[in-house]
């Protein structure tokens, strides 16, 4: 089975609350759409605009 992939980029501070919220969103998405797995990549970076 092949499904289209979606990539969502979220820029936020690396607080424990933000990480917990992202993990909660990931789990809710997985359950709502009956997915076996949903990826979450956390990466520190520096950006200038």
N, C-alpha and C. Protein backbone atom coordinates (compact mmCIF):
# COMPACT_ATOMS: atom_id res chain seq x y z
N UNK A 1 0.85 -1.17 0.00
CA UNK A 1 0.00 0.00 0.00
C UNK A 1 0.89 1.23 0.00
N UNK A 2 0.54 2.23 -0.77
CA UNK A 2 1.31 3.47 -0.85
C UNK A 2 0.41 4.63 -0.47
N UNK A 3 0.88 5.47 0.43
CA UNK A 3 0.13 6.65 0.84
C UNK A 3 0.99 7.88 0.62
N UNK A 4 0.33 8.99 0.30
CA UNK A 4 1.05 10.25 0.15
C UNK A 4 1.61 10.68 1.51
N UNK A 5 2.79 11.27 1.48
CA UNK A 5 3.43 11.73 2.72
C UNK A 5 3.20 13.23 2.88
N UNK A 6 3.15 13.67 4.10
CA UNK A 6 3.04 15.09 4.42
C UNK A 6 4.19 15.43 5.36
N UNK A 7 4.82 16.56 5.12
CA UNK A 7 5.86 17.06 6.01
C UNK A 7 5.40 18.40 6.54
N UNK A 8 5.38 18.53 7.85
CA UNK A 8 4.98 19.77 8.51
C UNK A 8 6.17 20.27 9.31
N UNK A 9 6.58 21.50 9.04
CA UNK A 9 7.68 22.10 9.79
C UNK A 9 7.12 23.04 10.83
N UNK A 10 7.52 22.86 12.07
CA UNK A 10 7.07 23.71 13.16
C UNK A 10 8.32 24.27 13.83
N UNK A 11 8.39 25.57 13.94
CA UNK A 11 9.52 26.22 14.59
C UNK A 11 9.04 26.72 15.95
N UNK A 12 9.70 26.25 16.99
CA UNK A 12 9.31 26.63 18.35
C UNK A 12 10.51 26.52 19.27
N UNK A 13 10.39 27.09 20.42
CA UNK A 13 11.44 26.95 21.42
C UNK A 13 11.54 25.52 21.90
N UNK A 14 12.72 25.13 22.34
CA UNK A 14 12.94 23.75 22.78
C UNK A 14 12.61 23.59 24.26
N UNK A 15 11.40 23.94 24.62
CA UNK A 15 10.97 23.79 26.01
C UNK A 15 10.36 22.41 26.22
N UNK A 16 10.39 21.91 27.43
CA UNK A 16 9.74 20.62 27.70
C UNK A 16 8.24 20.64 27.34
N UNK A 17 7.59 21.78 27.53
CA UNK A 17 6.16 21.89 27.21
C UNK A 17 5.92 21.77 25.71
N UNK A 18 6.79 22.40 24.90
CA UNK A 18 6.64 22.33 23.45
C UNK A 18 6.85 20.91 22.95
N UNK A 19 7.86 20.24 23.47
CA UNK A 19 8.14 18.86 23.08
C UNK A 19 6.97 17.96 23.45
N UNK A 20 6.42 18.13 24.65
CA UNK A 20 5.27 17.33 25.09
C UNK A 20 4.06 17.59 24.19
N UNK A 21 3.84 18.85 23.81
CA UNK A 21 2.70 19.19 22.95
C UNK A 21 2.87 18.55 21.58
N UNK A 22 4.07 18.59 21.01
CA UNK A 22 4.31 17.97 19.71
C UNK A 22 4.09 16.46 19.76
N UNK A 23 4.54 15.84 20.81
CA UNK A 23 4.34 14.39 20.96
C UNK A 23 2.85 14.06 21.10
N UNK A 24 2.12 14.90 21.80
CA UNK A 24 0.68 14.69 21.95
C UNK A 24 -0.04 14.84 20.61
N UNK A 25 0.32 15.85 19.85
CA UNK A 25 -0.27 16.06 18.52
C UNK A 25 0.02 14.87 17.62
N UNK A 26 1.25 14.39 17.65
CA UNK A 26 1.64 13.22 16.84
C UNK A 26 0.79 12.01 17.19
N UNK A 27 0.60 11.76 18.47
CA UNK A 27 -0.18 10.60 18.90
C UNK A 27 -1.65 10.74 18.53
N UNK A 28 -2.21 11.94 18.68
CA UNK A 28 -3.61 12.17 18.29
C UNK A 28 -3.79 11.96 16.78
N UNK A 29 -2.85 12.45 15.98
CA UNK A 29 -2.90 12.26 14.52
C UNK A 29 -2.87 10.77 14.19
N UNK A 30 -1.94 10.05 14.83
CA UNK A 30 -1.81 8.61 14.57
C UNK A 30 -3.10 7.87 14.87
N UNK A 31 -3.72 8.19 15.99
CA UNK A 31 -4.97 7.53 16.37
C UNK A 31 -6.13 7.94 15.46
N UNK A 32 -6.26 9.23 15.18
CA UNK A 32 -7.37 9.74 14.38
C UNK A 32 -7.37 9.15 12.96
N UNK A 33 -6.18 9.02 12.36
CA UNK A 33 -6.08 8.53 10.99
C UNK A 33 -5.67 7.07 10.92
N UNK A 34 -5.73 6.36 12.05
CA UNK A 34 -5.45 4.92 12.13
C UNK A 34 -4.12 4.57 11.47
N UNK A 35 -3.08 5.30 11.81
CA UNK A 35 -1.74 5.06 11.27
C UNK A 35 -0.96 4.15 12.20
N UNK A 36 -0.15 3.29 11.61
CA UNK A 36 0.70 2.43 12.41
C UNK A 36 1.84 3.20 13.06
N UNK A 37 2.30 4.22 12.36
CA UNK A 37 3.41 5.02 12.88
C UNK A 37 3.35 6.42 12.27
N UNK A 38 3.75 7.40 13.04
CA UNK A 38 3.87 8.79 12.59
C UNK A 38 5.22 9.28 13.09
N UNK A 39 6.01 9.83 12.19
CA UNK A 39 7.35 10.28 12.57
C UNK A 39 7.35 11.65 13.21
N UNK A 40 8.32 11.87 14.06
CA UNK A 40 8.54 13.18 14.68
C UNK A 40 10.04 13.36 14.78
N UNK A 41 10.56 14.40 14.12
CA UNK A 41 11.99 14.69 14.16
C UNK A 41 12.17 16.00 14.90
N UNK A 42 12.95 15.99 15.95
CA UNK A 42 13.26 17.19 16.71
C UNK A 42 14.72 17.53 16.43
N UNK A 43 14.95 18.76 15.98
CA UNK A 43 16.30 19.15 15.62
C UNK A 43 16.55 20.60 16.00
N UNK A 44 17.64 20.85 16.67
CA UNK A 44 18.04 22.21 16.99
C UNK A 44 18.68 22.83 15.76
N UNK A 45 18.40 24.10 15.54
CA UNK A 45 19.03 24.77 14.40
C UNK A 45 19.07 26.27 14.66
N UNK A 46 19.78 26.96 13.82
CA UNK A 46 19.90 28.40 13.89
C UNK A 46 19.53 28.96 12.53
N UNK A 47 18.66 29.95 12.50
CA UNK A 47 18.24 30.54 11.23
C UNK A 47 18.28 32.06 11.35
N UNK A 48 18.66 32.70 10.26
CA UNK A 48 18.68 34.15 10.20
C UNK A 48 17.77 34.61 9.07
N UNK A 49 17.04 35.69 9.31
CA UNK A 49 16.15 36.25 8.28
C UNK A 49 16.50 37.70 8.08
